[in-house]
Amino acid sequence: MSRSKKNHQSGNAAPRRSFIRNAALIASGITIVPRFVLGGKGFIPPSDTFYAAGIGVGGKGEVDMKGIGDCKNARVIALCDVDDKSAEKSVKRFPGATYYKDWRIMLDKEGKNLDGVSVTTPDHMHAHPALRAMSMGKHVYVQKPLTHNIYEARLLTRAAEKYKVVTQMGNQGGSGDDVRTVKEWVDAGMIGDVTRVHSWTNRPVWPQGLPTPKGKFDTPKELDWDLWIGCADFVDYNPAYHPFNWRGWWPYGTGALGDMACHILDPFFRILPVKYASDVECSASTIWSDFFVEADYPDSCPPSSIIHFTFPRTDGKGDIRLTWMDGGLRPERPLELLPDEEMGDVDGGLIMEGTKGKIITGMWGRKPRLLPSSRMKTETFPPETIPRIAKGVDGHYANWVDAAMTGYGKGVPSSPFNYSGPFTEAILLGNVALRAYQIKGGKGYPGRKKLLWDAENMKVTNFDEANQFVKRTYRKGWELVG
């Protein structure tokens, strides 16, 4: 890691590399510079290379950087991670890329060299680097869920339009063939008007429902803990949070719902005429301590939950009721499903109930079937009318790169922020309900009435204590405004 640390500390590697690279190209009669330099926003330059950087390149970030780096037109030239150990595989994969520990320094030093930036940090730190990159005119790819809270999702959605950059959320099922097939079935009226949807996941597969960690631990020398904490209230390093189990803690993650709903509910939002929920209610597993006293674990997501949403149809045909279950809970098997038939898949599933029938799928809309399954042999299915994405879910990265190279308003990404932003808002309303459910001493709540939601103003109108979870309080120096 010595070379990487030198690059990060000196800040000279990138400019020197760019000078040498460009000088050599000019000498050979070829000039390649970032496309935004050549013609401004939306301009398609003669360059055929998309210069990319990654913020958070360990774990899932390693997968994202490989996906982007494998695109034929992309070149990864900068990497950033607060943890040198987590970043090792990406640094090895892209030996020519300059490595940084602080994404702010990376964007300052590499900004003029970049076309796009990928963000794969813990959920609580998605919005800050994404917003900064967009304000610099960079196209952005941000892992799901798009943000940690509703306010941030609205902010990024507006920023993408303001700065006219090409955006993509990392819900790769949005580029899959199956979700397009299901849309063609629904649009053809094969199950009539959908009125009820059930969804579930096997997550969490990390600890939840725990007391806030205590104890003193030495911070690993390769980790910049202050940068990892970022916008959250500072706490001492604890291995309960890093490198993976942060998902189950409200200050940093969004629980099972935030982790999986952007995958499992994509067919619901992509296919049906819905945008924002009008109300939400939930119940969650309760943790009991000695003497049957309910434990107060405000920082930990619950081990399991059931969340009910009402979505007014945008076509004026009434409402669609959606139920989400996690932590091992699942809806009752449809009567049309035979006892030994698969219900969803290992990750979870989705059931759409319409006035003329039902559709069941797995995650990403995988393996869609009409119910009863005998209809799959007797029905006449509509032709493919929706363009497919090359390589399907595996083409999600190239879909973003290609759209960015084509230009804002011209390229068509699968999950741009004008889609994935409202989608994320609707999902995270469920977490507002869950966190309000955990409030001790709440007046008339927790969990004993619906929360009424004013989506335009991002406000719960009948339980003000819940509104503290619509937007977080940011640590001093990490404020996010817009």
Protein backbone atom coordinates (compact mmCIF):
# COMPACT_ATOMS: atom_id res chain seq x y z
CA MET A 1 0.00 0.00 0.00
CA SER A 2 3.05 2.32 0.07
CA ARG A 3 2.56 3.57 -3.49
CA SER A 4 -1.11 4.29 -2.86
CA LYS A 5 -0.41 6.30 0.27
CA LYS A 6 2.23 8.34 -1.54
CA ASN A 7 -0.25 9.24 -4.26
CA HIS A 8 -2.84 10.26 -1.69
CA GLN A 9 -0.46 12.39 0.34
CA SER A 10 1.41 14.18 -2.41
CA GLY A 11 -1.48 14.79 -4.80
CA ASN A 12 1.04 15.06 -7.66
CA ALA A 13 0.53 11.68 -9.27
CA ALA A 14 -2.65 12.50 -11.15
CA PRO A 15 -1.52 15.81 -12.75
CA ARG A 16 1.84 14.28 -13.70
CA ARG A 17 0.16 11.18 -15.12
CA SER A 18 -2.27 13.34 -17.11
CA PHE A 19 0.59 15.48 -18.47
CA ILE A 20 2.60 12.48 -19.58
CA ARG A 21 -0.44 10.77 -21.07
CA ASN A 22 -1.63 13.84 -22.98
CA ALA A 23 1.86 14.77 -24.12
CA ALA A 24 2.35 11.33 -25.60
CA LEU A 25 -1.02 11.45 -27.33
CA ILE A 26 -0.41 14.91 -28.73
CA ALA A 27 2.96 13.76 -30.08
CA SER A 28 1.18 10.96 -31.92
CA GLY A 29 -1.48 13.27 -33.29
CA ILE A 30 -4.25 12.08 -30.93
CA THR A 31 -5.85 14.07 -28.13
CA ILE A 32 -8.16 12.52 -25.54
CA VAL A 33 -9.47 14.67 -22.71
CA PRO A 34 -12.60 14.34 -20.61
CA ARG A 35 -15.71 14.91 -22.70
CA PHE A 36 -17.12 17.72 -20.57
CA VAL A 37 -13.96 19.79 -21.25
CA LEU A 38 -14.44 19.59 -25.01
CA GLY A 39 -17.93 20.90 -25.32
CA GLY A 40 -19.78 21.45 -22.07
CA LYS A 41 -22.85 19.68 -20.77
CA GLY A 42 -24.48 17.24 -23.15
CA PHE A 43 -21.77 17.59 -25.82
CA ILE A 44 -20.51 14.41 -27.50
CA PRO A 45 -16.77 14.84 -28.08
CA PRO A 46 -14.48 12.87 -30.37
CA SER A 47 -13.04 11.09 -27.34
CA ASP A 48 -14.18 7.49 -26.99
CA THR A 49 -13.04 7.12 -23.37
CA PHE A 50 -15.07 7.64 -20.22
CA TYR A 51 -12.79 8.52 -17.30
CA ALA A 52 -14.21 7.27 -14.00
CA ALA A 53 -13.45 7.35 -10.27
CA GLY A 54 -14.78 5.31 -7.37
CA ILE A 55 -15.59 6.50 -3.85
CA GLY A 56 -15.84 3.49 -1.54
CA VAL A 57 -14.08 0.75 -3.50
CA GLY A 58 -14.05 -2.15 -1.03
CA GLY A 59 -16.77 -4.78 -0.68
CA LYS A 60 -19.63 -3.95 -3.03
CA GLY A 61 -17.54 -1.02 -4.25
CA GLU A 62 -15.03 -3.48 -5.65
CA VAL A 63 -17.84 -5.12 -7.64
CA ASP A 64 -19.01 -1.73 -8.90
CA MET A 65 -15.54 -0.65 -10.00
CA LYS A 66 -14.99 -3.94 -11.82
CA GLY A 67 -18.34 -3.48 -13.56
CA ILE A 68 -17.45 0.03 -14.66
CA GLY A 69 -13.86 -0.86 -15.53
CA ASP A 70 -15.06 -3.75 -17.71
CA CYS A 71 -17.08 -1.38 -19.90
CA LYS A 72 -15.29 -1.11 -23.22
CA ASN A 73 -15.32 2.71 -23.22
CA ALA A 74 -14.47 3.24 -19.54
CA ARG A 75 -11.16 3.78 -17.81
CA VAL A 76 -10.83 3.94 -14.02
CA ILE A 77 -8.25 6.60 -13.14
CA ALA A 78 -8.92 7.32 -9.43
CA LEU A 79 -9.95 5.31 -6.37
CA CYS A 80 -10.92 6.44 -2.89
CA ASP A 81 -11.61 4.58 0.33
CA VAL A 82 -11.29 5.41 4.02
CA ASP A 83 -9.96 1.89 4.64
CA ASP A 84 -6.76 0.87 2.85
CA LYS A 85 -7.36 -2.80 3.61
CA SER A 86 -10.85 -2.79 2.10
CA ALA A 87 -9.50 -1.07 -1.01
CA GLU A 88 -6.66 -3.51 -1.67
CA LYS A 89 -8.39 -5.58 -4.37
CA SER A 90 -9.53 -2.53 -6.33
CA VAL A 91 -6.08 -0.94 -6.07
CA LYS A 92 -4.56 -4.15 -7.42
CA ARG A 93 -7.15 -4.36 -10.19
CA PHE A 94 -6.47 -0.81 -11.36
CA PRO A 95 -2.73 -0.26 -10.83
CA GLY A 96 -2.72 2.92 -12.92
CA ALA A 97 -5.38 4.63 -10.82
CA THR A 98 -4.40 7.21 -8.21
CA TYR A 99 -5.55 6.27 -4.72
CA TYR A 100 -7.00 8.68 -2.16
CA LYS A 101 -8.41 8.32 1.33
CA ASP A 102 -10.50 11.53 1.35
CA TRP A 103 -13.08 11.86 -1.42
CA ARG A 104 -13.04 15.63 -1.10
CA ILE A 105 -9.33 15.75 -1.92
CA MET A 106 -9.86 13.30 -4.77
CA LEU A 107 -12.57 15.42 -6.38
CA ASP A 108 -10.49 18.58 -5.96
CA LYS A 109 -7.40 17.06 -7.53
CA GLU A 110 -8.99 14.78 -10.14
CA GLY A 111 -12.02 16.84 -11.09
CA LYS A 112 -10.57 18.09 -14.35
CA ASN A 113 -9.69 14.52 -15.38
CA LEU A 114 -13.05 12.88 -14.69
CA ASP A 115 -16.27 12.23 -16.58
CA GLY A 116 -18.08 10.18 -13.92
CA VAL A 117 -17.97 9.09 -10.29
CA SER A 118 -19.30 5.96 -8.59
CA VAL A 119 -20.35 6.15 -4.92
CA THR A 120 -20.49 2.93 -2.86
CA THR A 121 -20.05 4.10 0.71
CA PRO A 122 -22.26 3.15 3.68
CA ASP A 123 -25.74 4.59 3.16
CA HIS A 124 -25.27 7.62 5.41
CA MET A 125 -22.50 8.94 3.15
CA HIS A 126 -24.11 8.53 -0.27
CA ALA A 127 -25.51 12.03 -0.62
CA HIS A 128 -22.48 14.15 0.22
CA PRO A 129 -19.99 12.95 -2.42
CA ALA A 130 -22.74 12.43 -5.00
CA LEU A 131 -23.98 16.00 -4.62
CA ARG A 132 -20.45 17.40 -4.75
CA ALA A 133 -19.63 15.42 -7.90
CA MET A 134 -22.86 16.49 -9.62
CA SER A 135 -22.20 20.14 -8.78
CA MET A 136 -18.88 19.73 -10.65
CA GLY A 137 -20.72 18.46 -13.73
CA LYS A 138 -19.82 14.79 -13.21
CA HIS A 139 -22.16 11.95 -14.07
CA VAL A 140 -22.80 9.77 -11.01
CA TYR A 141 -23.60 6.15 -10.22
CA VAL A 142 -24.81 5.69 -6.62
CA GLN A 143 -25.48 2.40 -4.88
CA LYS A 144 -28.93 1.59 -3.54
CA PRO A 145 -30.67 2.85 -1.59
CA LEU A 146 -29.95 6.17 -3.24
CA THR A 147 -29.72 7.96 0.11
CA HIS A 148 -30.03 7.50 3.86
CA ASN A 149 -33.20 9.59 4.24
CA ILE A 150 -36.06 11.14 2.30
CA TYR A 151 -34.69 14.69 2.33
CA GLU A 152 -31.44 13.57 0.71
CA ALA A 153 -33.27 11.64 -2.02
CA ARG A 154 -35.30 14.74 -2.94
CA LEU A 155 -32.11 16.81 -2.95
CA LEU A 156 -30.21 14.49 -5.29
CA THR A 157 -33.20 14.22 -7.62
CA ARG A 158 -33.32 17.99 -8.00
CA ALA A 159 -29.54 18.28 -8.30
CA ALA A 160 -29.42 15.83 -11.22
CA GLU A 161 -31.86 18.03 -13.12
CA LYS A 162 -30.14 21.27 -12.11
CA TYR A 163 -26.65 20.16 -13.12
CA LYS A 164 -27.84 18.15 -16.13
CA VAL A 165 -25.80 15.05 -15.45
CA VAL A 166 -26.54 11.41 -16.23
CA THR A 167 -27.36 9.42 -13.11
CA GLN A 168 -27.95 5.80 -12.15
CA MET A 169 -28.88 4.05 -8.92
CA GLY A 170 -27.29 0.65 -8.36
CA ASN A 171 -30.44 -1.46 -8.54
CA GLN A 172 -29.24 -3.60 -11.43
CA GLY A 173 -32.55 -5.41 -11.76
CA GLY A 174 -33.81 -2.24 -13.43
CA SER A 175 -31.74 -3.23 -16.47
CA GLY A 176 -32.99 -6.82 -16.49
CA ASP A 177 -35.19 -8.51 -19.07
CA ASP A 178 -37.63 -9.95 -16.52
CA VAL A 179 -38.97 -6.62 -15.24
CA ARG A 180 -39.62 -5.60 -18.86
CA THR A 181 -41.44 -8.86 -19.51
CA VAL A 182 -43.69 -8.32 -16.49
CA LYS A 183 -44.48 -4.78 -17.62
CA GLU A 184 -45.52 -6.09 -21.03
CA TRP A 185 -47.84 -8.60 -19.34
CA VAL A 186 -49.40 -5.98 -17.06
CA ASP A 187 -49.74 -3.43 -19.87
CA ALA A 188 -51.45 -6.11 -21.97
CA GLY A 189 -54.08 -6.52 -19.22
CA MET A 190 -53.16 -10.11 -18.38
CA ILE A 191 -54.00 -9.61 -14.67
CA GLY A 192 -56.31 -6.60 -14.98
CA ASP A 193 -55.91 -3.59 -12.68
CA VAL A 194 -53.53 -4.27 -9.79
CA THR A 195 -54.97 -3.41 -6.38
CA ARG A 196 -52.76 -5.35 -3.93
CA VAL A 197 -49.04 -6.14 -3.77
CA HIS A 198 -47.13 -8.33 -1.30
CA SER A 199 -43.33 -8.27 -0.99
CA TRP A 200 -40.74 -9.85 1.28
CA THR A 201 -37.02 -10.49 1.75
CA ASN A 202 -34.79 -12.90 3.65
CA ARG A 203 -32.78 -9.93 5.01
CA PRO A 204 -31.36 -9.00 7.41
CA VAL A 205 -28.42 -11.37 7.22
CA TRP A 206 -26.55 -9.18 9.72
CA PRO A 207 -27.34 -8.51 13.40
CA GLN A 208 -30.30 -6.25 14.25
CA GLY A 209 -32.28 -5.61 17.42
CA LEU A 210 -29.18 -5.03 19.56
CA PRO A 211 -28.16 -2.61 22.30
CA THR A 212 -25.87 0.21 21.23
CA PRO A 213 -22.28 -1.14 21.25
CA LYS A 214 -19.98 -0.15 24.07
CA GLY A 215 -16.33 -0.63 24.88
CA LYS A 216 -13.02 0.78 23.74
CA PHE A 217 -11.26 -0.60 20.69
CA ASP A 218 -8.13 0.42 18.87
CA THR A 219 -8.87 1.87 15.46
CA PRO A 220 -7.14 -0.18 12.74
CA LYS A 221 -4.16 1.77 11.43
CA GLU A 222 -5.39 1.48 7.85
CA LEU A 223 -8.77 3.09 8.67
CA ASP A 224 -9.60 6.80 8.86
CA TRP A 225 -12.47 6.51 11.31
CA ASP A 226 -13.38 10.20 11.33
CA LEU A 227 -13.91 10.10 7.56
CA TRP A 228 -15.92 6.88 7.87
CA ILE A 229 -18.24 8.56 10.42
CA GLY A 230 -18.60 11.54 8.09
CA CYS A 231 -21.91 13.34 8.62
CA ALA A 232 -23.06 11.18 11.56
CA ASP A 233 -22.51 12.06 15.21
CA PHE A 234 -19.01 11.02 16.16
CA VAL A 235 -18.60 7.84 18.20
CA ASP A 236 -15.47 5.84 18.92
CA TYR A 237 -14.52 3.07 16.53
CA ASN A 238 -16.32 -0.20 17.13
CA PRO A 239 -16.06 -3.39 15.04
CA ALA A 240 -19.84 -3.74 15.37
CA TYR A 241 -20.12 -1.06 12.66
CA HIS A 242 -17.27 -1.62 10.23
CA PRO A 243 -16.69 -3.14 7.74
CA PHE A 244 -20.14 -4.67 7.14
CA ASN A 245 -22.67 -4.66 9.96
CA TRP A 246 -23.32 -0.91 9.69
CA ARG A 247 -26.46 -1.83 7.71
CA GLY A 248 -28.31 -2.71 10.90
CA TRP A 249 -27.65 0.61 12.69
CA TRP A 250 -29.83 3.65 12.02
CA PRO A 251 -27.03 6.24 12.13
CA TYR A 252 -25.32 4.58 9.14
CA GLY A 253 -27.64 2.08 7.46
CA THR A 254 -31.25 1.66 6.43
CA GLY A 255 -31.92 -1.90 7.57
CA ALA A 256 -33.46 -4.71 5.57
CA LEU A 257 -35.94 -2.39 3.85
CA GLY A 258 -33.25 -0.01 2.61
CA ASP A 259 -30.98 -2.82 1.53
CA MET A 260 -33.44 -4.90 -0.46
CA ALA A 261 -36.57 -2.94 -1.36
CA CYS A 262 -34.81 -1.15 -4.24
CA HIS A 263 -34.29 -4.61 -5.74
CA ILE A 264 -37.54 -6.36 -4.86
CA LEU A 265 -39.96 -3.46 -5.34
CA ASP A 266 -38.49 -2.20 -8.62
CA PRO A 267 -41.19 -3.99 -10.66
CA PHE A 268 -43.86 -2.36 -8.48
CA PHE A 269 -42.59 1.18 -9.09
CA ARG A 270 -41.42 0.65 -12.65
CA ILE A 271 -44.61 -0.99 -13.89
CA LEU A 272 -47.56 0.34 -11.89
CA PRO A 273 -48.97 3.90 -11.94
CA VAL A 274 -47.65 5.00 -8.52
CA LYS A 275 -45.22 7.58 -7.16
CA TYR A 276 -45.59 8.53 -3.48
CA ALA A 277 -47.47 6.83 -0.66
CA SER A 278 -50.27 8.66 1.12
CA ASP A 279 -49.91 6.76 4.40
CA VAL A 280 -47.85 4.09 6.13
CA GLU A 281 -48.14 1.90 9.22
CA CYS A 282 -45.95 -0.83 10.63
CA SER A 283 -45.33 -3.40 13.30
CA ALA A 284 -41.94 -4.75 14.31
CA SER A 285 -40.48 -7.46 16.49
CA THR A 286 -39.93 -6.30 20.05
CA ILE A 287 -36.86 -7.12 22.11
CA TRP A 288 -37.40 -8.01 25.77
CA SER A 289 -34.82 -7.90 28.52
CA ASP A 290 -34.89 -9.42 32.00
CA PHE A 291 -38.21 -9.44 33.87
CA PHE A 292 -40.15 -8.94 30.63
CA VAL A 293 -39.25 -5.28 30.31
CA GLU A 294 -39.20 -4.01 26.75
CA ALA A 295 -35.62 -3.05 25.86
CA ASP A 296 -34.85 0.38 24.44
CA TYR A 297 -32.49 -0.08 21.49
CA PRO A 298 -32.97 3.17 19.56
CA ASP A 299 -29.88 2.83 17.33
CA SER A 300 -30.58 -0.67 16.03
CA CYS A 301 -33.00 -1.59 13.26
CA PRO A 302 -35.58 -4.19 14.38
CA PRO A 303 -34.94 -7.89 13.64
CA SER A 304 -38.14 -8.16 11.58
CA SER A 305 -40.97 -5.94 10.48
CA ILE A 306 -44.20 -5.63 8.51
CA ILE A 307 -44.92 -2.33 6.78
CA HIS A 308 -48.17 -1.37 5.01
CA PHE A 309 -48.31 1.46 2.45
CA THR A 310 -51.17 3.05 0.53
CA PHE A 311 -50.25 4.33 -2.93
CA PRO A 312 -52.83 6.40 -4.84
CA ARG A 313 -52.78 5.35 -8.48
CA THR A 314 -51.64 8.18 -10.75
CA ASP A 315 -54.25 7.12 -13.32
CA GLY A 316 -57.07 7.93 -10.90
CA LYS A 317 -58.29 4.33 -10.50
CA GLY A 318 -58.13 4.24 -6.71
CA ASP A 319 -55.34 2.97 -4.49
CA ILE A 320 -52.83 0.14 -4.45
CA ARG A 321 -52.05 -1.42 -1.09
CA LEU A 322 -48.46 -2.62 -0.65
CA THR A 323 -47.17 -4.78 2.20
CA TRP A 324 -43.47 -5.34 2.92
CA MET A 325 -42.13 -8.09 5.21
CA ASP A 326 -38.57 -8.85 6.32
CA GLY A 327 -36.63 -10.80 8.93
CA GLY A 328 -37.97 -14.18 7.84
CA LEU A 329 -41.62 -13.12 7.62
CA ARG A 330 -43.55 -13.90 4.44
CA PRO A 331 -47.13 -13.47 3.27
CA GLU A 332 -49.48 -16.40 3.05
CA ARG A 333 -48.94 -18.54 -0.02
CA PRO A 334 -51.42 -17.65 -2.75
CA LEU A 335 -54.20 -20.21 -3.06
CA GLU A 336 -53.27 -20.60 -6.73
CA LEU A 337 -49.71 -21.66 -5.84
CA LEU A 338 -49.28 -25.42 -5.53
CA PRO A 339 -47.79 -26.69 -2.24
CA ASP A 340 -44.42 -27.61 -3.77
CA GLU A 341 -44.06 -24.66 -6.12
CA GLU A 342 -41.35 -22.10 -5.44
CA MET A 343 -42.59 -18.89 -3.84
CA GLY A 344 -40.29 -16.08 -5.01
CA ASP A 345 -36.61 -16.99 -4.67
CA VAL A 346 -33.92 -17.15 -2.02
CA ASP A 347 -33.72 -13.35 -1.71
CA GLY A 348 -37.46 -12.72 -1.47
CA GLY A 349 -40.28 -12.01 -3.84
CA LEU A 350 -43.23 -9.97 -5.09
CA ILE A 351 -46.87 -10.85 -5.74
CA MET A 352 -49.13 -8.54 -7.74
CA GLU A 353 -52.86 -9.15 -7.35
CA GLY A 354 -55.06 -7.80 -10.12
CA THR A 355 -58.73 -7.90 -10.97
CA LYS A 356 -58.06 -10.70 -13.49
CA GLY A 357 -55.21 -12.68 -11.94
CA LYS A 358 -51.83 -12.64 -10.19
CA ILE A 359 -48.13 -12.47 -11.03
CA ILE A 360 -45.38 -13.78 -8.76
CA THR A 361 -41.66 -12.99 -9.13
CA GLY A 362 -38.40 -13.24 -7.25
CA MET A 363 -35.97 -10.41 -6.63
CA TRP A 364 -35.52 -8.04 -9.61
CA GLY A 365 -38.70 -9.52 -11.08
CA ARG A 366 -36.82 -12.79 -11.70
CA LYS A 367 -38.65 -15.86 -12.97
CA PRO A 368 -42.06 -14.17 -13.41
CA ARG A 369 -45.10 -16.45 -13.53
CA LEU A 370 -48.82 -16.01 -13.91
CA LEU A 371 -50.86 -17.76 -11.24
CA PRO A 372 -51.99 -20.43 -11.37
CA SER A 373 -48.85 -21.58 -13.16
CA SER A 374 -50.97 -23.55 -15.62
CA ARG A 375 -51.72 -20.19 -17.30
CA MET A 376 -48.10 -20.13 -18.49
CA LYS A 377 -49.01 -22.94 -20.90
CA THR A 378 -52.41 -21.72 -22.04
CA GLU A 379 -52.11 -17.94 -22.40
CA THR A 380 -51.09 -16.01 -25.49
CA PHE A 381 -48.36 -13.63 -24.37
CA PRO A 382 -47.77 -10.18 -25.85
CA PRO A 383 -44.73 -9.56 -28.07
CA GLU A 384 -41.65 -7.79 -26.76
CA THR A 385 -42.23 -4.07 -27.19
CA ILE A 386 -39.83 -2.63 -24.57
CA PRO A 387 -36.17 -2.37 -25.63
CA ARG A 388 -33.92 -4.74 -23.70
CA ILE A 389 -30.61 -3.67 -22.16
CA ALA A 390 -27.56 -5.50 -23.50
CA LYS A 391 -26.51 -8.17 -20.97
CA GLY A 392 -29.53 -7.37 -18.77
CA VAL A 393 -28.69 -6.95 -15.09
CA ASP A 394 -24.99 -7.40 -15.93
CA GLY A 395 -25.24 -4.48 -18.34
CA HIS A 396 -26.36 -1.98 -15.70
CA TYR A 397 -22.93 -0.32 -15.54
CA ALA A 398 -22.52 -0.11 -19.30
CA ASN A 399 -26.05 1.28 -19.50
CA TRP A 400 -24.91 4.22 -17.33
CA VAL A 401 -21.58 4.70 -19.11
CA ASP A 402 -23.19 4.60 -22.54
CA ALA A 403 -25.93 7.03 -21.50
CA ALA A 404 -23.35 9.41 -20.05
CA MET A 405 -21.26 9.28 -23.21
CA THR A 406 -24.35 9.98 -25.30
CA GLY A 407 -25.16 13.00 -23.14
CA TYR A 408 -27.74 14.30 -20.70
CA GLY A 409 -31.24 14.18 -22.18
CA LYS A 410 -30.08 11.87 -24.96
CA GLY A 411 -28.81 8.72 -23.28
CA VAL A 412 -31.34 6.58 -21.40
CA PRO A 413 -30.11 5.03 -18.12
CA SER A 414 -32.32 2.42 -16.48
CA SER A 415 -32.57 4.02 -13.03
CA PRO A 416 -31.93 7.77 -13.34
CA PHE A 417 -32.55 9.87 -10.27
CA ASN A 418 -35.82 11.26 -11.63
CA TYR A 419 -37.05 7.66 -11.23
CA SER A 420 -34.90 6.24 -8.44
CA GLY A 421 -35.15 9.37 -6.28
CA PRO A 422 -38.94 9.23 -5.79
CA PHE A 423 -38.65 5.43 -5.59
CA THR A 424 -36.15 5.77 -2.72
CA GLU A 425 -38.33 8.37 -0.98
CA ALA A 426 -41.32 6.04 -1.05
CA ILE A 427 -39.29 3.15 0.35
CA LEU A 428 -37.66 5.17 3.12
CA LEU A 429 -41.05 6.34 4.34
CA GLY A 430 -41.26 2.81 5.73
CA ASN A 431 -38.17 3.52 7.82
CA VAL A 432 -39.75 6.72 9.12
CA ALA A 433 -42.59 4.52 10.38
CA LEU A 434 -40.22 1.97 11.90
CA ARG A 435 -38.14 4.59 13.69
CA ALA A 436 -41.24 6.33 14.97
CA TYR A 437 -42.45 2.92 16.18
CA GLN A 438 -39.32 2.71 18.32
CA ILE A 439 -39.92 6.06 20.06
CA LYS A 440 -40.47 5.55 23.75
CA GLY A 441 -43.41 7.43 25.21
CA GLY A 442 -44.77 8.54 21.83
CA LYS A 443 -48.22 10.14 22.12
CA GLY A 444 -50.76 7.90 20.43
CA TYR A 445 -48.02 5.85 18.81
CA PRO A 446 -45.90 3.69 18.34
CA GLY A 447 -47.58 1.55 15.78
CA ARG A 448 -51.18 2.20 16.78
CA LYS A 449 -52.22 4.47 13.93
CA LYS A 450 -51.33 5.24 10.36
CA LEU A 451 -48.85 7.97 9.63
CA LEU A 452 -50.37 10.34 7.07
CA TRP A 453 -47.81 11.55 4.55
CA ASP A 454 -47.67 14.88 2.70
CA ALA A 455 -45.17 13.93 0.00
CA GLU A 456 -44.95 17.37 -1.60
CA ASN A 457 -43.79 18.91 1.66
CA MET A 458 -42.04 15.77 2.96
CA LYS A 459 -43.96 15.80 6.22
CA VAL A 460 -45.95 13.44 8.44
CA THR A 461 -49.07 15.43 9.23
CA ASN A 462 -50.51 13.56 12.21
CA PHE A 463 -47.48 12.62 14.36
CA ASP A 464 -44.88 15.37 14.39
CA GLU A 465 -42.34 13.32 16.35
CA ALA A 466 -41.87 11.15 13.25
CA ASN A 467 -40.60 14.08 11.17
CA GLN A 468 -37.21 14.00 12.87
CA PHE A 469 -36.49 10.93 10.72
CA VAL A 470 -37.28 12.59 7.38
CA LYS A 471 -33.98 14.47 7.53
CA ARG A 472 -31.10 13.74 9.86
CA THR A 473 -29.16 16.21 11.99
CA TYR A 474 -25.69 16.53 10.46
CA ARG A 475 -22.44 16.70 12.36
CA LYS A 476 -20.88 20.16 12.41
CA GLY A 477 -18.89 20.69 9.25
CA TRP A 478 -20.88 18.05 7.35
CA GLU A 479 -24.12 19.97 6.84
CA LEU A 480 -26.01 19.15 3.66
CA VAL A 481 -28.28 21.91 2.39
CA GLY A 482 -30.20 22.55 -0.79
